[in-house]
Protein backbone atom coordinates (compact mmCIF):
# COMPACT_ATOMS: atom_id res chain seq x y z
CA UNK A 1 0.16 -0.03 0.33
CA UNK A 2 1.31 3.58 -1.11
CA UNK A 3 1.67 6.69 1.30
CA UNK A 4 -1.34 7.70 -1.21
CA UNK A 5 -3.43 5.29 -0.79
CA UNK A 6 -3.47 5.14 3.03
CA UNK A 7 -3.81 8.45 3.49
CA UNK A 8 -6.91 8.23 0.77
CA UNK A 9 -8.51 4.78 3.12
CA UNK A 10 -7.72 7.11 6.55
CA UNK A 11 -9.45 9.91 5.65
CA UNK A 12 -12.06 7.70 4.24
CA UNK A 13 -12.36 6.35 7.33
CA UNK A 14 -12.56 9.72 9.48
CA UNK A 15 -15.25 11.17 6.94
CA UNK A 16 -17.11 7.66 7.68
CA UNK A 17 -16.96 7.75 11.79
CA UNK A 18 -17.67 11.85 11.61
CA UNK A 19 -21.37 10.85 9.76
CA UNK A 20 -21.60 7.47 12.67
CA UNK A 21 -20.71 9.88 15.26
CA UNK A 22 -23.56 12.83 13.87
CA UNK A 23 -25.99 9.48 13.21
CA UNK A 24 -25.69 8.23 17.07
CA UNK A 25 -26.11 11.30 18.54
CA UNK A 26 -28.94 12.37 16.50
CA UNK A 27 -30.47 8.87 18.04
CA UNK A 28 -29.76 9.53 21.72
CA UNK A 29 -31.14 12.98 21.18
CA UNK A 30 -34.23 12.04 19.78
CA UNK A 31 -34.71 8.87 22.13
CA UNK A 32 -38.14 9.95 23.08
CA UNK A 33 -39.43 12.21 19.96
CA UNK A 34 -42.48 10.29 19.02
CA UNK A 35 -42.14 8.77 15.54
CA UNK A 36 -38.56 8.86 15.83
CA UNK A 37 -37.35 5.74 13.97
CA UNK A 38 -33.35 4.93 14.90
CA UNK A 39 -31.16 5.26 11.89
CA UNK A 40 -28.17 3.61 10.87
CA UNK A 41 -25.59 4.05 8.09
CA UNK A 42 -25.63 2.18 5.26
CA UNK A 43 -21.58 1.46 3.94
CA UNK A 44 -19.88 0.19 1.03
CA UNK A 45 -15.64 0.07 -0.38
CA UNK A 46 -15.09 2.97 -2.74
CA UNK A 47 -13.41 1.11 -5.09
CA UNK A 48 -9.99 0.17 -6.40
CA UNK A 49 -9.39 3.37 -7.96
CA UNK A 50 -10.55 5.44 -4.52
CA UNK A 51 -9.83 2.79 -1.41
CA UNK A 52 -11.82 3.09 1.60
CA UNK A 53 -15.20 3.12 2.93
CA UNK A 54 -18.16 5.70 1.95
CA UNK A 55 -21.63 6.26 3.04
CA UNK A 56 -24.20 4.49 0.75
CA UNK A 57 -27.05 6.35 2.57
CA UNK A 58 -28.73 6.15 5.63
CA UNK A 59 -31.35 3.62 7.15
CA UNK A 60 -34.45 4.34 9.01
CA UNK A 61 -35.37 0.49 10.82
CA UNK A 62 -39.01 0.48 10.96
CA UNK A 63 -40.85 -2.94 11.89
CA UNK A 64 -43.87 -2.13 9.79
CA UNK A 65 -45.69 -5.20 11.43
CA UNK A 66 -45.35 -3.68 14.77
CA UNK A 67 -46.26 -0.32 12.80
CA UNK A 68 -49.58 -1.66 11.82
CA UNK A 69 -50.39 -3.53 15.14
CA UNK A 70 -50.00 -0.63 17.25
CA UNK A 71 -51.86 1.47 15.14
CA UNK A 72 -54.88 -0.71 15.52
CA UNK A 73 -54.27 -0.29 19.03
CA UNK A 74 -54.51 3.21 18.56
CA UNK A 75 -57.65 3.44 16.69
CA UNK A 76 -59.49 0.85 18.99
CA UNK A 77 -58.28 2.50 22.08
CA UNK A 78 -59.94 5.51 20.47
CA UNK A 79 -62.75 4.10 19.45
CA UNK A 80 -63.56 2.25 22.92
CA UNK A 81 -62.69 5.05 24.72
CA UNK A 82 -65.96 7.27 23.09
CA UNK A 83 -68.31 4.56 23.73
CA UNK A 84 -67.74 4.14 27.07
CA UNK A 85 -67.49 8.14 27.69
CA UNK A 86 -70.21 7.89 26.31
CA UNK A 87 -72.10 5.56 28.82
CA UNK A 88 -70.70 6.67 31.67
CA UNK A 89 -72.52 9.40 31.05
CA UNK A 90 -75.84 8.31 30.77
CA UNK A 91 -75.31 6.25 33.85
CA UNK A 92 -74.72 9.20 35.45
CA UNK A 93 -78.03 10.52 33.92
CA UNK A 94 -79.95 8.10 34.99
CA UNK A 95 -78.86 6.79 37.36
CA UNK A 96 -77.67 3.34 38.75
CA UNK A 97 -80.36 2.08 41.84
CA UNK A 98 -83.56 3.33 43.25
CA UNK A 99 -81.54 5.60 45.88
CA UNK A 100 -80.58 9.21 45.00
CA UNK A 101 -81.49 11.25 42.05
CA UNK A 102 -81.59 8.47 39.73
CA UNK A 103 -84.57 8.04 37.51
CA UNK A 104 -85.77 4.73 39.35
CA UNK A 105 -84.76 6.61 42.89
CA UNK A 106 -87.42 9.32 42.06
CA UNK A 107 -90.04 7.06 40.65
CA UNK A 108 -89.58 5.26 44.33
CA UNK A 109 -90.12 8.63 46.56
CA UNK A 110 -92.88 9.33 44.04
CA UNK A 111 -94.95 6.12 45.12
CA UNK A 112 -93.99 6.34 48.83
CA UNK A 113 -95.02 9.87 48.81
CA UNK A 114 -98.77 8.70 47.14
CA UNK A 115 -98.39 6.22 49.78
CA UNK A 116 -98.14 8.93 52.42
CA UNK A 117 -100.16 11.28 51.32
CA UNK A 118 -103.32 8.25 51.06
CA UNK A 119 -102.65 7.64 55.18
CA UNK A 120 -103.36 11.59 55.57
CA UNK A 121 -105.43 12.72 52.56
CA UNK A 122 -106.11 15.81 54.33
CA UNK A 123 -102.93 16.73 54.59
CA UNK A 124 -102.36 19.23 52.23
CA UNK A 125 -98.60 19.29 53.33
CA UNK A 126 -98.33 15.67 51.92
CA UNK A 127 -100.52 16.27 48.68
CA UNK A 128 -97.89 19.02 47.98
CA UNK A 129 -94.93 16.11 48.17
CA UNK A 130 -96.99 14.48 45.85
CA UNK A 131 -97.11 16.93 43.49
CA UNK A 132 -93.51 18.07 44.18
CA UNK A 133 -92.14 13.90 43.92
CA UNK A 134 -93.99 13.75 40.64
CA UNK A 135 -92.32 17.16 39.38
CA UNK A 136 -88.99 15.27 40.20
CA UNK A 137 -89.05 12.41 38.01
CA UNK A 138 -90.83 14.41 35.24
CA UNK A 139 -87.51 16.60 36.02
CA UNK A 140 -85.60 13.56 36.21
CA UNK A 141 -86.49 11.94 32.54
CA UNK A 142 -86.16 15.74 30.96
CA UNK A 143 -82.49 16.09 32.10
CA UNK A 144 -81.62 12.43 31.25
CA UNK A 145 -83.22 13.54 27.30
CA UNK A 146 -81.47 16.58 27.50
CA UNK A 147 -78.42 14.46 28.02
CA UNK A 148 -78.31 12.56 25.75
CA UNK A 149 -78.99 15.07 22.98
CA UNK A 150 -76.06 17.18 24.63
CA UNK A 151 -74.26 14.17 23.71
CA UNK A 152 -75.19 13.39 20.34
CA UNK A 153 -74.76 17.20 19.77
CA UNK A 154 -71.37 17.07 20.95
CA UNK A 155 -70.48 13.92 19.12
CA UNK A 156 -71.53 15.54 15.62
CA UNK A 157 -69.19 18.16 17.17
CA UNK A 158 -66.80 16.21 17.12
CA UNK A 159 -67.05 14.54 14.03
CA UNK A 160 -66.83 18.13 12.50
CA UNK A 161 -63.73 18.96 14.08
CA UNK A 162 -62.02 15.19 12.95
CA UNK A 163 -63.18 16.14 9.45
CA UNK A 164 -60.42 19.26 9.70
CA UNK A 165 -58.45 17.56 11.18
CA UNK A 166 -58.02 14.65 8.36
CA UNK A 167 -58.16 16.79 6.09
CA UNK A 168 -55.54 19.01 7.05
CA UNK A 169 -53.42 15.56 7.96
CA UNK A 170 -54.06 14.01 4.56
CA UNK A 171 -52.94 17.60 2.95
CA UNK A 172 -49.86 17.49 4.32
CA UNK A 173 -49.09 13.82 4.09
CA UNK A 174 -49.36 14.59 0.22
CA UNK A 175 -47.44 17.45 0.85
CA UNK A 176 -44.45 15.81 2.43
CA UNK A 177 -44.96 12.44 -0.46
CA UNK A 178 -43.73 15.33 -3.35
CA UNK A 179 -41.26 16.31 -0.96
CA UNK A 180 -39.45 12.79 0.28
CA UNK A 181 -39.43 12.40 -3.54
CA UNK A 182 -37.77 15.51 -4.50
CA UNK A 183 -35.61 14.57 -1.81
CA UNK A 184 -34.11 10.88 -3.01
CA UNK A 185 -34.11 11.97 -6.26
CA UNK A 186 -31.20 14.92 -5.56
CA UNK A 187 -29.69 12.32 -3.23
CA UNK A 188 -30.42 13.88 0.28
CA UNK A 189 -31.67 12.01 3.19
CA UNK A 190 -35.51 11.82 3.96
CA UNK A 191 -35.42 10.89 7.05
CA UNK A 192 -36.92 13.24 9.29
CA UNK A 193 -39.19 14.07 6.68
CA UNK A 194 -40.81 10.36 7.06
CA UNK A 195 -40.55 10.49 10.46
CA UNK A 196 -42.92 13.36 10.07
CA UNK A 197 -45.29 11.96 8.30
CA UNK A 198 -45.18 8.45 10.02
CA UNK A 199 -46.67 11.03 13.43
CA UNK A 200 -49.19 12.49 10.61
CA UNK A 201 -50.21 8.75 9.76
CA UNK A 202 -50.69 8.23 13.58
CA UNK A 203 -53.41 10.85 13.84
CA UNK A 204 -55.00 9.84 10.97
CA UNK A 205 -55.22 6.60 12.00
CA UNK A 206 -56.76 7.57 15.22
CA UNK A 207 -59.24 9.02 13.32
CA UNK A 208 -59.89 6.37 11.14
CA UNK A 209 -57.57 2.75 10.82
CA UNK A 210 -55.71 2.97 7.84
CA UNK A 211 -53.64 1.04 5.52
CA UNK A 212 -50.34 1.97 4.53
CA UNK A 213 -49.07 0.77 0.74
CA UNK A 214 -45.80 1.96 -0.45
CA UNK A 215 -45.57 3.13 -3.54
CA UNK A 216 -42.49 3.99 -5.78
CA UNK A 217 -39.52 6.52 -4.69
CA UNK A 218 -40.43 6.69 -1.29
CA UNK A 219 -43.98 7.80 -1.57
CA UNK A 220 -47.17 5.73 0.54
CA UNK A 221 -50.78 6.01 -0.17
CA UNK A 222 -53.51 5.27 2.36
CA UNK A 223 -56.84 3.26 2.47
CA UNK A 224 -59.12 2.70 5.04
CA UNK A 225 -59.22 -0.91 6.87
CA UNK A 226 -62.86 -1.12 4.90
CA UNK A 227 -61.24 0.67 1.40
CA UNK A 228 -61.69 3.85 1.05
CA UNK A 229 -59.29 5.68 -0.68
CA UNK A 230 -57.75 8.34 1.65
CA UNK A 231 -54.99 8.73 -0.33
CA UNK A 232 -53.26 7.86 -3.93
CA UNK A 233 -51.58 10.35 -5.28
CA UNK A 234 -53.50 13.17 -3.93
CA UNK A 235 -55.25 13.47 -0.36
CA UNK A 236 -58.99 12.42 -0.37
CA UNK A 237 -61.32 15.13 0.57
CA UNK A 238 -63.56 14.87 3.59
CA UNK A 239 -66.73 16.92 3.72
CA UNK A 240 -69.26 17.45 6.72
CA UNK A 241 -71.74 19.41 8.19
CA UNK A 242 -72.21 20.14 11.89
CA UNK A 243 -75.33 20.39 13.15
CA UNK A 244 -75.34 22.65 16.28
CA UNK A 245 -78.30 21.82 17.96
CA UNK A 246 -80.02 18.25 17.93
CA UNK A 247 -83.64 17.57 18.86
CA UNK A 248 -84.83 14.10 19.56
CA UNK A 249 -86.53 13.38 15.86
CA UNK A 250 -83.34 15.01 14.32
CA UNK A 251 -82.04 11.61 12.49
CA UNK A 252 -79.46 10.50 9.73
CA UNK A 253 -82.04 9.09 8.13
CA UNK A 254 -84.47 11.96 7.70
CA UNK A 255 -81.91 13.92 6.31
CA UNK A 256 -81.60 16.29 9.25
CA UNK A 257 -78.20 15.35 9.96
CA UNK A 258 -75.17 15.74 7.81
CA UNK A 259 -73.76 12.15 6.27
CA UNK A 260 -69.75 11.96 5.71
CA UNK A 261 -69.02 12.53 1.93
CA UNK A 262 -65.65 11.37 1.16
CA UNK A 263 -64.57 12.56 -2.98
CA UNK A 264 -68.16 13.29 -3.46
CA UNK A 265 -69.36 10.11 -2.53
CA UNK A 266 -71.61 9.71 0.75
CA UNK A 267 -69.56 6.98 2.90
CA UNK A 268 -71.43 4.61 5.24
CA UNK A 269 -70.81 5.23 8.83
CA UNK A 270 -73.41 2.73 10.89
CA UNK A 271 -71.47 0.13 12.67
CA UNK A 272 -72.64 -2.84 10.02
CA UNK A 273 -70.50 -0.52 7.58
CA UNK A 274 -67.42 -1.37 7.91
CA UNK A 275 -65.87 1.76 5.54
CA UNK A 276 -64.58 3.28 8.03
CA UNK A 277 -64.67 1.15 10.93
CA UNK A 278 -62.58 1.63 14.08
CA UNK A 279 -61.34 4.81 15.37
CA UNK A 280 -62.73 8.01 17.00
CA UNK A 281 -64.57 9.20 13.79
CA UNK A 282 -67.29 5.69 13.36
CA UNK A 283 -67.11 5.54 17.49
CA UNK A 284 -68.91 9.62 17.54
CA UNK A 285 -70.96 8.26 14.47
CA UNK A 286 -72.66 5.45 17.08
CA UNK A 287 -73.37 7.85 19.37
CA UNK A 288 -74.68 10.14 17.63
CA UNK A 289 -77.10 7.79 14.89
CA UNK A 290 -77.32 4.46 17.02
CA UNK A 291 -76.31 4.54 20.91
CA UNK A 292 -77.55 7.68 21.96
CA UNK A 293 -80.72 7.18 19.38
CA UNK A 294 -81.74 3.99 21.03
CA UNK A 295 -81.36 5.02 24.78
CA UNK A 296 -83.72 8.07 23.64
CA UNK A 297 -86.56 5.43 22.60
CA UNK A 298 -86.29 3.63 26.05
CA UNK A 299 -86.60 6.98 28.17
CA UNK A 300 -89.70 7.57 25.69
CA UNK A 301 -90.87 4.27 26.35
CA UNK A 302 -90.53 4.99 30.48
CA UNK A 303 -92.34 8.52 30.04
CA UNK A 304 -95.28 7.28 27.72
CA UNK A 305 -95.92 4.73 30.28
CA UNK A 306 -95.82 6.77 32.61
CA UNK A 307 -98.83 8.91 30.85
CA UNK A 308 -100.48 6.05 30.18
CA UNK A 309 -100.88 4.79 33.43
CA UNK A 310 -102.80 7.87 34.59
CA UNK A 311 -104.80 9.00 32.00
CA UNK A 312 -106.74 6.28 32.21
CA UNK A 313 -110.70 7.87 33.16
CA UNK A 314 -110.71 4.33 35.49
CA UNK A 315 -108.08 5.77 37.57
CA UNK A 316 -109.63 8.93 37.79
CA UNK A 317 -113.24 9.37 37.24
CA UNK A 318 -112.97 13.31 36.80
CA UNK A 319 -111.52 12.82 33.71
CA UNK A 320 -112.85 13.29 30.21
CA UNK A 321 -112.00 10.93 27.11
CA UNK A 322 -109.10 12.24 25.63
CA UNK A 323 -107.73 14.46 28.82
CA UNK A 324 -104.31 14.67 29.93
CA UNK A 325 -103.68 13.08 33.59
CA UNK A 326 -101.16 13.86 36.40
CA UNK A 327 -98.00 13.29 33.50
CA UNK A 328 -98.34 15.41 30.50
CA UNK A 329 -96.92 15.83 27.00
CA UNK A 330 -95.51 19.78 28.01
CA UNK A 331 -99.29 20.05 29.15
CA UNK A 332 -101.02 18.58 26.35
CA UNK A 333 -102.70 15.20 25.95
CA UNK A 334 -100.04 12.40 24.68
CA UNK A 335 -100.55 11.34 20.83
CA UNK A 336 -99.33 7.96 19.99
CA UNK A 337 -97.41 9.23 16.74
CA UNK A 338 -95.83 11.97 18.86
CA UNK A 339 -93.84 9.47 21.21
CA UNK A 340 -89.87 10.67 20.19
CA UNK A 341 -89.14 13.11 22.43
CA UNK A 342 -91.94 12.64 25.12
CA UNK A 343 -89.24 12.26 28.36
CA UNK A 344 -88.10 15.44 27.44
CA UNK A 345 -91.01 17.03 27.05
CA UNK A 346 -92.78 14.88 29.92
CA UNK A 347 -94.72 17.43 32.16
CA UNK A 348 -97.12 17.24 35.55
CA UNK A 349 -100.51 19.05 35.16
CA UNK A 350 -100.76 21.86 35.75
CA UNK A 351 -104.04 21.62 37.30
CA UNK A 352 -102.30 20.07 40.22
CA UNK A 353 -99.14 22.40 40.56
CA UNK A 354 -99.67 24.94 42.49
CA UNK A 355 -96.70 26.28 40.98
CA UNK A 356 -98.43 26.59 37.89
CA UNK A 357 -100.66 28.26 38.93
CA UNK A 358 -103.12 24.73 40.28
CA UNK A 359 -104.41 23.34 43.53
CA UNK A 360 -102.92 20.05 45.22
CA UNK A 361 -105.90 19.15 46.60
CA UNK A 362 -107.13 17.47 42.74
CA UNK A 363 -104.23 14.79 43.71
CA UNK A 364 -106.83 14.08 46.34
CA UNK A 365 -110.37 14.73 44.23
CA UNK A 366 -109.50 14.31 40.84
CA UNK A 367 -108.16 16.96 37.98
CA UNK A 368 -111.31 17.34 36.96
CA UNK A 369 -112.80 18.85 40.70
CA UNK A 370 -114.27 22.09 40.39
CA UNK A 371 -113.85 22.44 44.37
CA UNK A 372 -112.50 19.84 46.99
CA UNK A 373 -114.13 17.64 47.88
CA UNK A 374 -114.11 14.75 51.53
CA UNK A 375 -111.04 15.97 53.08
CA UNK A 376 -111.05 12.17 54.54
CA UNK A 377 -111.67 10.42 51.02
CA UNK A 378 -108.82 8.90 49.84
CA UNK A 379 -109.96 6.12 47.42
CA UNK A 380 -108.52 9.09 44.47
CA UNK A 381 -104.43 8.64 45.60
CA UNK A 382 -104.89 5.58 46.67
CA UNK A 383 -105.71 5.09 42.81
CA UNK A 384 -102.83 6.19 41.62
CA UNK A 385 -100.82 4.33 43.41
CA UNK A 386 -102.26 0.96 42.27
CA UNK A 387 -101.68 2.85 38.72
CA UNK A 388 -98.29 3.26 39.32
CA UNK A 389 -97.90 -0.38 40.54
CA UNK A 390 -99.87 -2.35 38.48
CA UNK A 391 -98.25 -4.90 35.98
CA UNK A 392 -99.02 -3.44 32.21
CA UNK A 393 -97.25 -4.34 29.02
CA UNK A 394 -95.34 -1.36 27.27
CA UNK A 395 -97.24 -0.44 24.78
CA UNK A 396 -92.88 0.53 23.30
CA UNK A 397 -89.74 0.01 24.26
CA UNK A 398 -87.18 -2.65 24.38
CA UNK A 399 -88.40 -4.25 27.45
CA UNK A 400 -90.23 -7.44 26.00
CA UNK A 401 -93.77 -8.74 26.33
CA UNK A 402 -94.35 -9.18 29.43
CA UNK A 403 -96.30 -7.38 31.97
CA UNK A 404 -94.61 -4.85 33.90
CA UNK A 405 -94.84 -2.15 36.85
CA UNK A 406 -93.33 1.54 36.63
CA UNK A 407 -90.25 0.32 38.98
CA UNK A 408 -90.00 -2.86 36.76
CA UNK A 409 -89.68 -0.54 33.40
CA UNK A 410 -87.13 1.77 35.47
CA UNK A 411 -84.52 -1.18 36.53
CA UNK A 412 -84.90 -2.44 33.21
CA UNK A 413 -83.63 0.80 31.55
CA UNK A 414 -80.88 0.87 34.43
CA UNK A 415 -80.15 -2.80 33.87
CA UNK A 416 -79.42 -1.98 30.15
CA UNK A 417 -77.22 0.78 30.20
CA UNK A 418 -75.43 -1.43 33.08
CA UNK A 419 -74.95 -4.26 30.36
CA UNK A 420 -73.65 -1.00 27.61
CA UNK A 421 -70.70 0.34 30.33
CA UNK A 422 -70.15 -3.06 31.49
CA UNK A 423 -69.07 -3.89 28.07
CA UNK A 424 -67.39 -0.02 27.07
CA UNK A 425 -65.26 -0.60 30.42
CA UNK A 426 -64.54 -4.29 29.46
CA UNK A 427 -63.47 -3.12 25.75
CA UNK A 428 -61.51 0.17 27.28
CA UNK A 429 -59.91 -2.01 29.43
CA UNK A 430 -59.11 -4.55 26.80
CA UNK A 431 -57.85 -1.97 24.06
CA UNK A 432 -55.72 -0.24 26.91
CA UNK A 433 -53.44 -3.01 27.84
CA UNK A 434 -53.36 -4.17 24.67
CA UNK A 435 -52.14 -0.44 23.27
CA UNK A 436 -49.80 0.00 25.66
CA UNK A 437 -47.98 -3.83 25.67
CA UNK A 438 -47.40 -2.35 22.01
CA UNK A 439 -46.27 0.60 22.37
CA UNK A 440 -43.58 -0.98 24.56
CA UNK A 441 -43.00 -3.30 22.32
CA UNK A 442 -42.29 -0.32 19.78
CA UNK A 443 -40.34 1.40 22.10
CA UNK A 444 -38.12 -1.21 22.77
CA UNK A 445 -37.48 -2.11 19.06
CA UNK A 446 -36.45 1.51 18.70
CA UNK A 447 -33.32 3.44 19.92
CA UNK A 448 -31.59 1.51 22.59
CA UNK A 449 -29.55 4.18 24.19
CA UNK A 450 -27.00 0.86 25.66
CA UNK A 451 -26.68 0.26 22.07
CA UNK A 452 -25.86 3.32 20.88
CA UNK A 453 -24.03 4.46 23.29
CA UNK A 454 -21.45 1.42 22.60
CA UNK A 455 -21.59 2.34 19.20
CA UNK A 456 -19.95 5.17 20.16
CA UNK A 457 -17.38 4.12 21.95
CA UNK A 458 -16.41 1.93 18.52
CA UNK A 459 -16.90 4.62 16.45
CA UNK A 460 -14.39 7.00 18.99
CA UNK A 461 -11.93 3.69 18.45
CA UNK A 462 -12.44 3.95 14.43
CA UNK A 463 -11.83 7.58 14.99
CA UNK A 464 -8.56 7.93 16.49
CA UNK A 465 -7.24 5.00 15.07
CA UNK A 466 -7.89 6.60 11.06
CA UNK A 467 -6.48 10.13 12.73
CA UNK A 468 -3.52 7.74 14.57
CA UNK A 469 -2.84 6.60 10.94
CA UNK A 470 -2.59 9.87 9.49
CA UNK A 471 -0.50 11.10 11.85
CA UNK A 472 2.52 7.92 11.53
CA UNK A 473 1.75 9.60 7.17
CA UNK A 474 3.04 12.79 8.72
CA UNK A 475 5.85 11.08 10.19
CA UNK A 476 6.81 9.39 7.64
CA UNK A 477 6.42 12.08 5.16
CA UNK A 478 9.01 14.59 6.58
CA UNK A 479 11.32 11.34 7.35
CA UNK A 480 11.15 11.25 3.68
CA UNK A 481 11.85 15.27 3.02
CA UNK A 482 14.70 15.21 5.51
CA UNK A 483 16.71 12.25 3.76
């Protein structure tokens, strides 16, 4: 080996060591940076004409299978979180037992007030208590209905926000695709842009689970798990119109609520369709269009049962056919074709409510009574109590075909919500544990600081060896020049 060849080899070694130390430093500095993938240098010999080593490029290490699994877990966790939050709030609105301010608890207190008033029908205080507890029961159903509609409106707003995020992220990924291709064509490294693109894909994936397809020159295409094209070249255009106020009668099927449109085509978002299944977007559509609607149906059925129990003239002989009973549809008679949203409109008949200008004694003497009757007659109060506890087949709702008392219906509603809440919490626990484990595996396969520090020691030794070779060559050149 000539001195020139040795010098060229040593200089190339110094260059490689310098580049390698920079890569290791970047790895260690970005160990906690989201989306960062470990780098390593790709080396080759320079050939016979110019001996030594040269840097071919930088390799970005990613495990595609693990990354796909972690993204799937992220999307599942996002969906489970949305559904668990819905059931948690629904449980708080309806209650879990017959105590406190739950609907079942309010119903139990109303029943007890009727029993108390029947024992002392002459007591104005006890009659007023019946009215107060009836109002509390109606208010409980009103509040639960309002909570359900508020959750639908919030889900609608979250869908709108997700669409904005989705469009922005897809546009940014399209831009990064172009820049990565340009840098690759110029021979420059695009690893930092790939890290940035991975973060953006993760953001899209939480909203809509995606499959990433590698294209030529470093580009990627994105498809939903159900096959909707989100990006293959240009980014898809996703459209949605937010509805700020939602009422029980407003549904997607009626056209009162916006559907999701991708590239000008309506995408089905129901749980029976897999186009955009999984992720927070589909979960919020499920809350808005299915779960909250079903919960409202059960509340309305419960409210209807209360109305129909007390509007029967055989319970209160002072009522005429078609007159509203103790519970009304906003002080009007209930119409069976207008059941949707009844729980939110339920109101105690103004004829017995002193706060609405009525008389509490009509609880004892009848809503249609013109004057007070015998203060000791508890016949009607007992009839009201029997109407509340008698078993009848509910006219609507998912309560089966068996005869139920009002308390049985309230318990069934609580049970249905509790079952949904249990499933949602179970799914959330499982998806959270799965996501955490996959995230841990991904981090373990990422930057290992111990290994990087060991590599840095080897690089320093190589740098020192090449520097020593140059020093020796310099000494030999000086010796030759002195001859």
